[in-house]
Amino acid sequence: MKVLKILLVVLIAIAGTVGWRWFQYVSNTVSPYDEVGIALNSRMPGPINKWGCDKLHAQFDSAPPPYGCQAGNGRQWR
């Protein structure tokens, strides 16, 4: 039982760290081309990925979209 509790705490810590890092990426104002952020956002489930891409698009409207937010020929935001 104690091992299960430790495993649960570790999983929650990892999920919190990954979630926080993803949120920092989509709410940044410096650049939409952070490699770790792009990797995290492209692997998020559909609605979460769309929200992140919409937030990035609002902040970086004139920049080409990062991987995971591309549509069509790769030069258009989804």
PDB file of N, CA and C in Angstrom:
ATOM      1  N   MET A   1       0.816  -1.188   0.000  1.00  0.00           N
ATOM      2  CA  MET A   1       0.000   0.000   0.000  1.00  0.00           C
ATOM      3  C   MET A   1       0.864   1.257   0.000  1.00  0.00           C
ATOM      4  N   LYS A   2       1.967   1.219   0.751  1.00  0.00           N
ATOM      5  CA  LYS A   2       2.851   2.375   0.825  1.00  0.00           C
ATOM      6  C   LYS A   2       3.502   2.650  -0.535  1.00  0.00           C
ATOM      7  N   VAL A   3       3.860   1.597  -1.254  1.00  0.00           N
ATOM      8  CA  VAL A   3       4.463   1.739  -2.579  1.00  0.00           C
ATOM      9  C   VAL A   3       3.467   2.383  -3.537  1.00  0.00           C
ATOM     10  N   LEU A   4       2.201   2.006  -3.424  1.00  0.00           N
ATOM     11  CA  LEU A   4       1.156   2.572  -4.267  1.00  0.00           C
ATOM     12  C   LEU A   4       1.002   4.069  -4.018  1.00  0.00           C
ATOM     13  N   LYS A   5       1.051   4.475  -2.768  1.00  0.00           N
ATOM     14  CA  LYS A   5       0.958   5.899  -2.427  1.00  0.00           C
ATOM     15  C   LYS A   5       2.150   6.675  -2.988  1.00  0.00           C
ATOM     16  N   ILE A   6       3.335   6.109  -2.869  1.00  0.00           N
ATOM     17  CA  ILE A   6       4.535   6.774  -3.398  1.00  0.00           C
ATOM     18  C   ILE A   6       4.435   6.890  -4.914  1.00  0.00           C
ATOM     19  N   LEU A   7       3.999   5.844  -5.569  1.00  0.00           N
ATOM     20  CA  LEU A   7       3.845   5.865  -7.017  1.00  0.00           C
ATOM     21  C   LEU A   7       2.820   6.908  -7.445  1.00  0.00           C
ATOM     22  N   LEU A   8       1.731   7.008  -6.720  1.00  0.00           N
ATOM     23  CA  LEU A   8       0.699   7.998  -7.015  1.00  0.00           C
ATOM     24  C   LEU A   8       1.241   9.418  -6.864  1.00  0.00           C
ATOM     25  N   VAL A   9       1.993   9.672  -5.821  1.00  0.00           N
ATOM     26  CA  VAL A   9       2.584  10.994  -5.605  1.00  0.00           C
ATOM     27  C   VAL A   9       3.567  11.339  -6.723  1.00  0.00           C
ATOM     28  N   VAL A  10       4.374  10.378  -7.127  1.00  0.00           N
ATOM     29  CA  VAL A  10       5.336  10.598  -8.211  1.00  0.00           C
ATOM     30  C   VAL A  10       4.603  10.908  -9.516  1.00  0.00           C
ATOM     31  N   LEU A  11       3.546  10.160  -9.829  1.00  0.00           N
ATOM     32  CA  LEU A  11       2.782  10.399 -11.051  1.00  0.00           C
ATOM     33  C   LEU A  11       2.117  11.770 -11.047  1.00  0.00           C
ATOM     34  N   ILE A  12       1.580  12.177  -9.914  1.00  0.00           N
ATOM     35  CA  ILE A  12       0.963  13.502  -9.807  1.00  0.00           C
ATOM     36  C   ILE A  12       2.019  14.591  -9.973  1.00  0.00           C
ATOM     37  N   ALA A  13       3.191  14.393  -9.406  1.00  0.00           N
ATOM     38  CA  ALA A  13       4.279  15.370  -9.540  1.00  0.00           C
ATOM     39  C   ALA A  13       4.729  15.495 -10.992  1.00  0.00           C
ATOM     40  N   ILE A  14       4.844  14.380 -11.674  1.00  0.00           N
ATOM     41  CA  ILE A  14       5.248  14.415 -13.084  1.00  0.00           C
ATOM     42  C   ILE A  14       4.181  15.107 -13.929  1.00  0.00           C
ATOM     43  N   ALA A  15       2.927  14.774 -13.708  1.00  0.00           N
ATOM     44  CA  ALA A  15       1.835  15.401 -14.459  1.00  0.00           C
ATOM     45  C   ALA A  15       1.786  16.905 -14.191  1.00  0.00           C
ATOM     46  N   GLY A  16       1.994  17.303 -12.963  1.00  0.00           N
ATOM     47  CA  GLY A  16       2.004  18.722 -12.623  1.00  0.00           C
ATOM     48  C   GLY A  16       3.158  19.462 -13.269  1.00  0.00           C
ATOM     49  N   THR A  17       4.329  18.848 -13.288  1.00  0.00           N
ATOM     50  CA  THR A  17       5.501  19.465 -13.903  1.00  0.00           C
ATOM     51  C   THR A  17       5.318  19.619 -15.413  1.00  0.00           C
ATOM     52  N   VAL A  18       4.851  18.557 -16.062  1.00  0.00           N
ATOM     53  CA  VAL A  18       4.623  18.611 -17.505  1.00  0.00           C
ATOM     54  C   VAL A  18       3.527  19.620 -17.832  1.00  0.00           C
ATOM     55  N   GLY A  19       2.460  19.628 -17.072  1.00  0.00           N
ATOM     56  CA  GLY A  19       1.374  20.590 -17.287  1.00  0.00           C
ATOM     57  C   GLY A  19       1.823  22.020 -17.108  1.00  0.00           C
ATOM     58  N   TRP A  20       2.621  22.271 -16.091  1.00  0.00           N
ATOM     59  CA  TRP A  20       3.119  23.622 -15.847  1.00  0.00           C
ATOM     60  C   TRP A  20       4.042  24.074 -16.966  1.00  0.00           C
ATOM     61  N   ARG A  21       4.911  23.177 -17.424  1.00  0.00           N
ATOM     62  CA  ARG A  21       5.846  23.520 -18.509  1.00  0.00           C
ATOM     63  C   ARG A  21       5.097  23.821 -19.797  1.00  0.00           C
ATOM     64  N   TRP A  22       4.044  23.049 -20.085  1.00  0.00           N
ATOM     65  CA  TRP A  22       3.219  23.288 -21.261  1.00  0.00           C
ATOM     66  C   TRP A  22       2.522  24.638 -21.152  1.00  0.00           C
ATOM     67  N   PHE A  23       1.951  24.929 -19.989  1.00  0.00           N
ATOM     68  CA  PHE A  23       1.247  26.203 -19.804  1.00  0.00           C
ATOM     69  C   PHE A  23       2.208  27.383 -19.937  1.00  0.00           C
ATOM     70  N   GLN A  24       3.426  27.253 -19.435  1.00  0.00           N
ATOM     71  CA  GLN A  24       4.413  28.313 -19.610  1.00  0.00           C
ATOM     72  C   GLN A  24       4.679  28.557 -21.085  1.00  0.00           C
ATOM     73  N   TYR A  25       4.741  27.514 -21.888  1.00  0.00           N
ATOM     74  CA  TYR A  25       4.996  27.648 -23.316  1.00  0.00           C
ATOM     75  C   TYR A  25       3.856  28.367 -24.021  1.00  0.00           C
ATOM     76  N   VAL A  26       2.618  27.937 -23.800  1.00  0.00           N
ATOM     77  CA  VAL A  26       1.509  28.545 -24.539  1.00  0.00           C
ATOM     78  C   VAL A  26       1.175  29.944 -24.054  1.00  0.00           C
ATOM     79  N   SER A  27       1.612  30.317 -22.868  1.00  0.00           N
ATOM     80  CA  SER A  27       1.329  31.665 -22.379  1.00  0.00           C
ATOM     81  C   SER A  27       2.548  32.583 -22.456  1.00  0.00           C
ATOM     82  N   ASN A  28       3.617  32.143 -23.125  1.00  0.00           N
ATOM     83  CA  ASN A  28       4.814  32.979 -23.226  1.00  0.00           C
ATOM     84  C   ASN A  28       4.607  34.104 -24.231  1.00  0.00           C
ATOM     85  N   THR A  29       5.442  35.108 -24.171  1.00  0.00           N
ATOM     86  CA  THR A  29       5.372  36.221 -25.110  1.00  0.00           C
ATOM     87  C   THR A  29       6.690  36.433 -25.832  1.00  0.00           C
ATOM     88  N   VAL A  30       7.612  35.480 -25.716  1.00  0.00           N
ATOM     89  CA  VAL A  30       8.937  35.630 -26.300  1.00  0.00           C
ATOM     90  C   VAL A  30       9.005  34.992 -27.683  1.00  0.00           C
ATOM     91  N   SER A  31       8.697  33.698 -27.782  1.00  0.00           N
ATOM     92  CA  SER A  31       8.821  32.990 -29.044  1.00  0.00           C
ATOM     93  C   SER A  31       7.935  31.748 -29.042  1.00  0.00           C
ATOM     94  N   PRO A  32       7.290  31.452 -30.187  1.00  0.00           N
ATOM     95  CA  PRO A  32       6.494  30.227 -30.266  1.00  0.00           C
ATOM     96  C   PRO A  32       7.332  29.004 -30.657  1.00  0.00           C
ATOM     97  N   TYR A  33       8.652  29.151 -30.717  1.00  0.00           N
ATOM     98  CA  TYR A  33       9.509  28.091 -31.239  1.00  0.00           C
ATOM     99  C   TYR A  33      10.388  27.426 -30.186  1.00  0.00           C
ATOM    100  N   ASP A  34       9.903  27.308 -28.975  1.00  0.00           N
ATOM    101  CA  ASP A  34      10.606  26.591 -27.918  1.00  0.00           C
ATOM    102  C   ASP A  34      10.447  25.092 -28.174  1.00  0.00           C
ATOM    103  N   GLU A  35      11.555  24.378 -28.311  1.00  0.00           N
ATOM    104  CA  GLU A  35      11.503  22.965 -28.703  1.00  0.00           C
ATOM    105  C   GLU A  35      10.725  22.091 -27.732  1.00  0.00           C
ATOM    106  N   VAL A  36      10.946  22.285 -26.454  1.00  0.00           N
ATOM    107  CA  VAL A  36      10.244  21.470 -25.454  1.00  0.00           C
ATOM    108  C   VAL A  36       8.751  21.796 -25.473  1.00  0.00           C
ATOM    109  N   GLY A  37       8.422  23.065 -25.555  1.00  0.00           N
ATOM    110  CA  GLY A  37       7.018  23.474 -25.607  1.00  0.00           C
ATOM    111  C   GLY A  37       6.306  22.942 -26.836  1.00  0.00           C
ATOM    112  N   ILE A  38       6.975  22.983 -27.976  1.00  0.00           N
ATOM    113  CA  ILE A  38       6.382  22.457 -29.207  1.00  0.00           C
ATOM    114  C   ILE A  38       6.109  20.965 -29.061  1.00  0.00           C
ATOM    115  N   ALA A  39       7.074  20.240 -28.513  1.00  0.00           N
ATOM    116  CA  ALA A  39       6.902  18.791 -28.334  1.00  0.00           C
ATOM    117  C   ALA A  39       5.737  18.495 -27.393  1.00  0.00           C
ATOM    118  N   LEU A  40       5.644  19.227 -26.302  1.00  0.00           N
ATOM    119  CA  LEU A  40       4.547  18.998 -25.354  1.00  0.00           C
ATOM    120  C   LEU A  40       3.199  19.337 -25.986  1.00  0.00           C
ATOM    121  N   ASN A  41       3.108  20.494 -26.641  1.00  0.00           N
ATOM    122  CA  ASN A  41       1.840  20.922 -27.215  1.00  0.00           C
ATOM    123  C   ASN A  41       1.387  19.991 -28.336  1.00  0.00           C
ATOM    124  N   SER A  42       2.308  19.517 -29.146  1.00  0.00           N
ATOM    125  CA  SER A  42       1.914  18.637 -30.250  1.00  0.00           C
ATOM    126  C   SER A  42       1.419  17.282 -29.759  1.00  0.00           C
ATOM    127  N   ARG A  43       1.760  16.908 -28.532  1.00  0.00           N
ATOM    128  CA  ARG A  43       1.327  15.619 -27.983  1.00  0.00           C
ATOM    129  C   ARG A  43       0.101  15.724 -27.067  1.00  0.00           C
ATOM    130  N   MET A  44      -0.382  16.937 -26.861  1.00  0.00           N
ATOM    131  CA  MET A  44      -1.564  17.120 -26.019  1.00  0.00           C
ATOM    132  C   MET A  44      -2.805  16.626 -26.754  1.00  0.00           C
ATOM    133  N   PRO A  45      -3.828  16.197 -26.015  1.00  0.00           N
ATOM    134  CA  PRO A  45      -5.089  15.779 -26.645  1.00  0.00           C
ATOM    135  C   PRO A  45      -5.709  16.929 -27.437  1.00  0.00           C
ATOM    136  N   GLY A  46      -6.534  16.612 -28.405  1.00  0.00           N
ATOM    137  CA  GLY A  46      -7.120  17.569 -29.336  1.00  0.00           C
ATOM    138  C   GLY A  46      -7.581  18.900 -28.774  1.00  0.00           C
ATOM    139  N   PRO A  47      -8.524  18.931 -27.827  1.00  0.00           N
ATOM    140  CA  PRO A  47      -9.025  20.214 -27.329  1.00  0.00           C
ATOM    141  C   PRO A  47      -7.952  21.037 -26.594  1.00  0.00           C
ATOM    142  N   ILE A  48      -7.073  20.374 -25.889  1.00  0.00           N
ATOM    143  CA  ILE A  48      -6.014  21.084 -25.169  1.00  0.00           C
ATOM    144  C   ILE A  48      -5.006  21.644 -26.166  1.00  0.00           C
ATOM    145  N   ASN A  49      -4.659  20.857 -27.177  1.00  0.00           N
ATOM    146  CA  ASN A  49      -3.752  21.317 -28.226  1.00  0.00           C
ATOM    147  C   ASN A  49      -4.362  22.512 -28.960  1.00  0.00           C
ATOM    148  N   LYS A  50      -5.639  22.437 -29.292  1.00  0.00           N
ATOM    149  CA  LYS A  50      -6.304  23.536 -29.997  1.00  0.00           C
ATOM    150  C   LYS A  50      -6.292  24.806 -29.152  1.00  0.00           C
ATOM    151  N   TRP A  51      -6.578  24.692 -27.868  1.00  0.00           N
ATOM    152  CA  TRP A  51      -6.561  25.857 -26.994  1.00  0.00           C
ATOM    153  C   TRP A  51      -5.163  26.471 -26.956  1.00  0.00           C
ATOM    154  N   GLY A  52      -4.138  25.623 -26.842  1.00  0.00           N
ATOM    155  CA  GLY A  52      -2.760  26.112 -26.829  1.00  0.00           C
ATOM    156  C   GLY A  52      -2.394  26.792 -28.136  1.00  0.00           C
ATOM    157  N   CYS A  53      -2.795  26.193 -29.255  1.00  0.00           N
ATOM    158  CA  CYS A  53      -2.508  26.801 -30.564  1.00  0.00           C
ATOM    159  C   CYS A  53      -3.246  28.128 -30.729  1.00  0.00           C
ATOM    160  N   ASP A  54      -4.484  28.185 -30.271  1.00  0.00           N
ATOM    161  CA  ASP A  54      -5.235  29.441 -30.349  1.00  0.00           C
ATOM    162  C   ASP A  54      -4.572  30.532 -29.522  1.00  0.00           C
ATOM    163  N   LYS A  55      -4.088  30.169 -28.356  1.00  0.00           N
ATOM    164  CA  LYS A  55      -3.415  31.139 -27.482  1.00  0.00           C
ATOM    165  C   LYS A  55      -2.114  31.619 -28.126  1.00  0.00           C
ATOM    166  N   LEU A  56      -1.347  30.691 -28.703  1.00  0.00           N
ATOM    167  CA  LEU A  56      -0.112  31.074 -29.400  1.00  0.00           C
ATOM    168  C   LEU A  56      -0.413  31.940 -30.618  1.00  0.00           C
ATOM    169  N   HIS A  57      -1.459  31.583 -31.366  1.00  0.00           N
ATOM    170  CA  HIS A  57      -1.822  32.354 -32.550  1.00  0.00           C
ATOM    171  C   HIS A  57      -2.209  33.779 -32.186  1.00  0.00           C
ATOM    172  N   ALA A  58      -2.899  33.953 -31.081  1.00  0.00           N
ATOM    173  CA  ALA A  58      -3.279  35.297 -30.636  1.00  0.00           C
ATOM    174  C   ALA A  58      -2.050  36.137 -30.294  1.00  0.00           C
ATOM    175  N   GLN A  59      -1.014  35.506 -29.774  1.00  0.00           N
ATOM    176  CA  GLN A  59       0.184  36.240 -29.370  1.00  0.00           C
ATOM    177  C   GLN A  59       1.171  36.427 -30.513  1.00  0.00           C
ATOM    178  N   PHE A  60       1.225  35.493 -31.450  1.00  0.00           N
ATOM    179  CA  PHE A  60       2.207  35.516 -32.528  1.00  0.00           C
ATOM    180  C   PHE A  60       1.495  35.394 -33.880  1.00  0.00           C
ATOM    181  N   ASP A  61       0.590  36.308 -34.144  1.00  0.00           N
ATOM    182  CA  ASP A  61      -0.259  36.250 -35.328  1.00  0.00           C
ATOM    183  C   ASP A  61       0.534  36.281 -36.636  1.00  0.00           C
ATOM    184  N   SER A  62       1.591  37.058 -36.711  1.00  0.00           N
ATOM    185  CA  SER A  62       2.327  37.213 -37.964  1.00  0.00           C
ATOM    186  C   SER A  62       3.417  36.160 -38.158  1.00  0.00           C
ATOM    187  N   ALA A  63       3.705  35.367 -37.141  1.00  0.00           N
ATOM    188  CA  ALA A  63       4.752  34.348 -37.235  1.00  0.00           C
ATOM    189  C   ALA A  63       4.180  33.054 -37.821  1.00  0.00           C
ATOM    190  N   PRO A  64       4.997  32.292 -38.537  1.00  0.00           N
ATOM    191  CA  PRO A  64       4.533  30.968 -38.999  1.00  0.00           C
ATOM    192  C   PRO A  64       4.252  30.072 -37.795  1.00  0.00           C
ATOM    193  N   PRO A  65       3.276  29.188 -37.915  1.00  0.00           N
ATOM    194  CA  PRO A  65       2.915  28.344 -36.770  1.00  0.00           C
ATOM    195  C   PRO A  65       3.974  27.295 -36.466  1.00  0.00           C
ATOM    196  N   PRO A  66       4.155  26.964 -35.192  1.00  0.00           N
ATOM    197  CA  PRO A  66       5.059  25.874 -34.837  1.00  0.00           C
ATOM    198  C   PRO A  66       4.423  24.525 -35.177  1.00  0.00           C
ATOM    199  N   TYR A  67       5.240  23.489 -35.177  1.00  0.00           N
ATOM    200  CA  TYR A  67       4.753  22.136 -35.417  1.00  0.00           C
ATOM    201  C   TYR A  67       3.649  21.812 -34.416  1.00  0.00           C
ATOM    202  N   GLY A  68       2.596  21.219 -34.885  1.00  0.00           N
ATOM    203  CA  GLY A  68       1.472  20.878 -34.027  1.00  0.00           C
ATOM    204  C   GLY A  68       0.345  21.881 -34.131  1.00  0.00           C
ATOM    205  N   CYS A  69       0.639  23.048 -34.710  1.00  0.00           N
ATOM    206  CA  CYS A  69      -0.386  24.085 -34.897  1.00  0.00           C
ATOM    207  C   CYS A  69      -0.541  24.431 -36.377  1.00  0.00           C
ATOM    208  N   GLN A  70       0.068  23.637 -37.235  1.00  0.00           N
ATOM    209  CA  GLN A  70       0.051  23.927 -38.669  1.00  0.00           C
ATOM    210  C   GLN A  70      -1.167  23.319 -39.342  1.00  0.00           C
ATOM    211  N   ALA A  71      -1.605  23.980 -40.414  1.00  0.00           N
ATOM    212  CA  ALA A  71      -2.695  23.464 -41.235  1.00  0.00           C
ATOM    213  C   ALA A  71      -2.308  23.686 -42.693  1.00  0.00           C
ATOM    214  N   GLY A  72      -2.865  22.874 -43.554  1.00  0.00           N
ATOM    215  CA  GLY A  72      -2.636  23.054 -44.981  1.00  0.00           C
ATOM    216  C   GLY A  72      -1.188  22.853 -45.362  1.00  0.00           C
ATOM    217  N   ASN A  73      -0.581  23.897 -45.899  1.00  0.00           N
ATOM    218  CA  ASN A  73       0.788  23.803 -46.402  1.00  0.00           C
ATOM    219  C   ASN A  73       1.849  24.010 -45.333  1.00  0.00           C
ATOM    220  N   GLY A  74       1.477  24.132 -44.092  1.00  0.00           N
ATOM    221  CA  GLY A  74       2.433  24.325 -43.000  1.00  0.00           C
ATOM    222  C   GLY A  74       2.710  25.775 -42.685  1.00  0.00           C
ATOM    223  N   ARG A  75       2.152  26.683 -43.472  1.00  0.00           N
ATOM    224  CA  ARG A  75       2.341  28.116 -43.248  1.00  0.00           C
ATOM    225  C   ARG A  75       1.086  28.764 -42.644  1.00  0.00           C
ATOM    226  N   GLN A  76       0.051  27.985 -42.429  1.00  0.00           N
ATOM    227  CA  GLN A  76      -1.199  28.524 -41.897  1.00  0.00           C
ATOM    228  C   GLN A  76      -1.478  27.927 -40.526  1.00  0.00           C
ATOM    229  N   TRP A  77      -2.056  28.762 -39.669  1.00  0.00           N
ATOM    230  CA  TRP A  77      -2.472  28.291 -38.343  1.00  0.00           C
ATOM    231  C   TRP A  77      -3.758  27.508 -38.479  1.00  0.00           C
ATOM    232  N   ARG A  78      -3.938  26.532 -37.604  1.00  0.00           N
ATOM    233  CA  ARG A  78      -5.204  25.795 -37.581  1.00  0.00           C
ATOM    234  C   ARG A  78      -6.284  26.645 -37.010  1.00  0.00           C
TER     235      ARG A  78
END
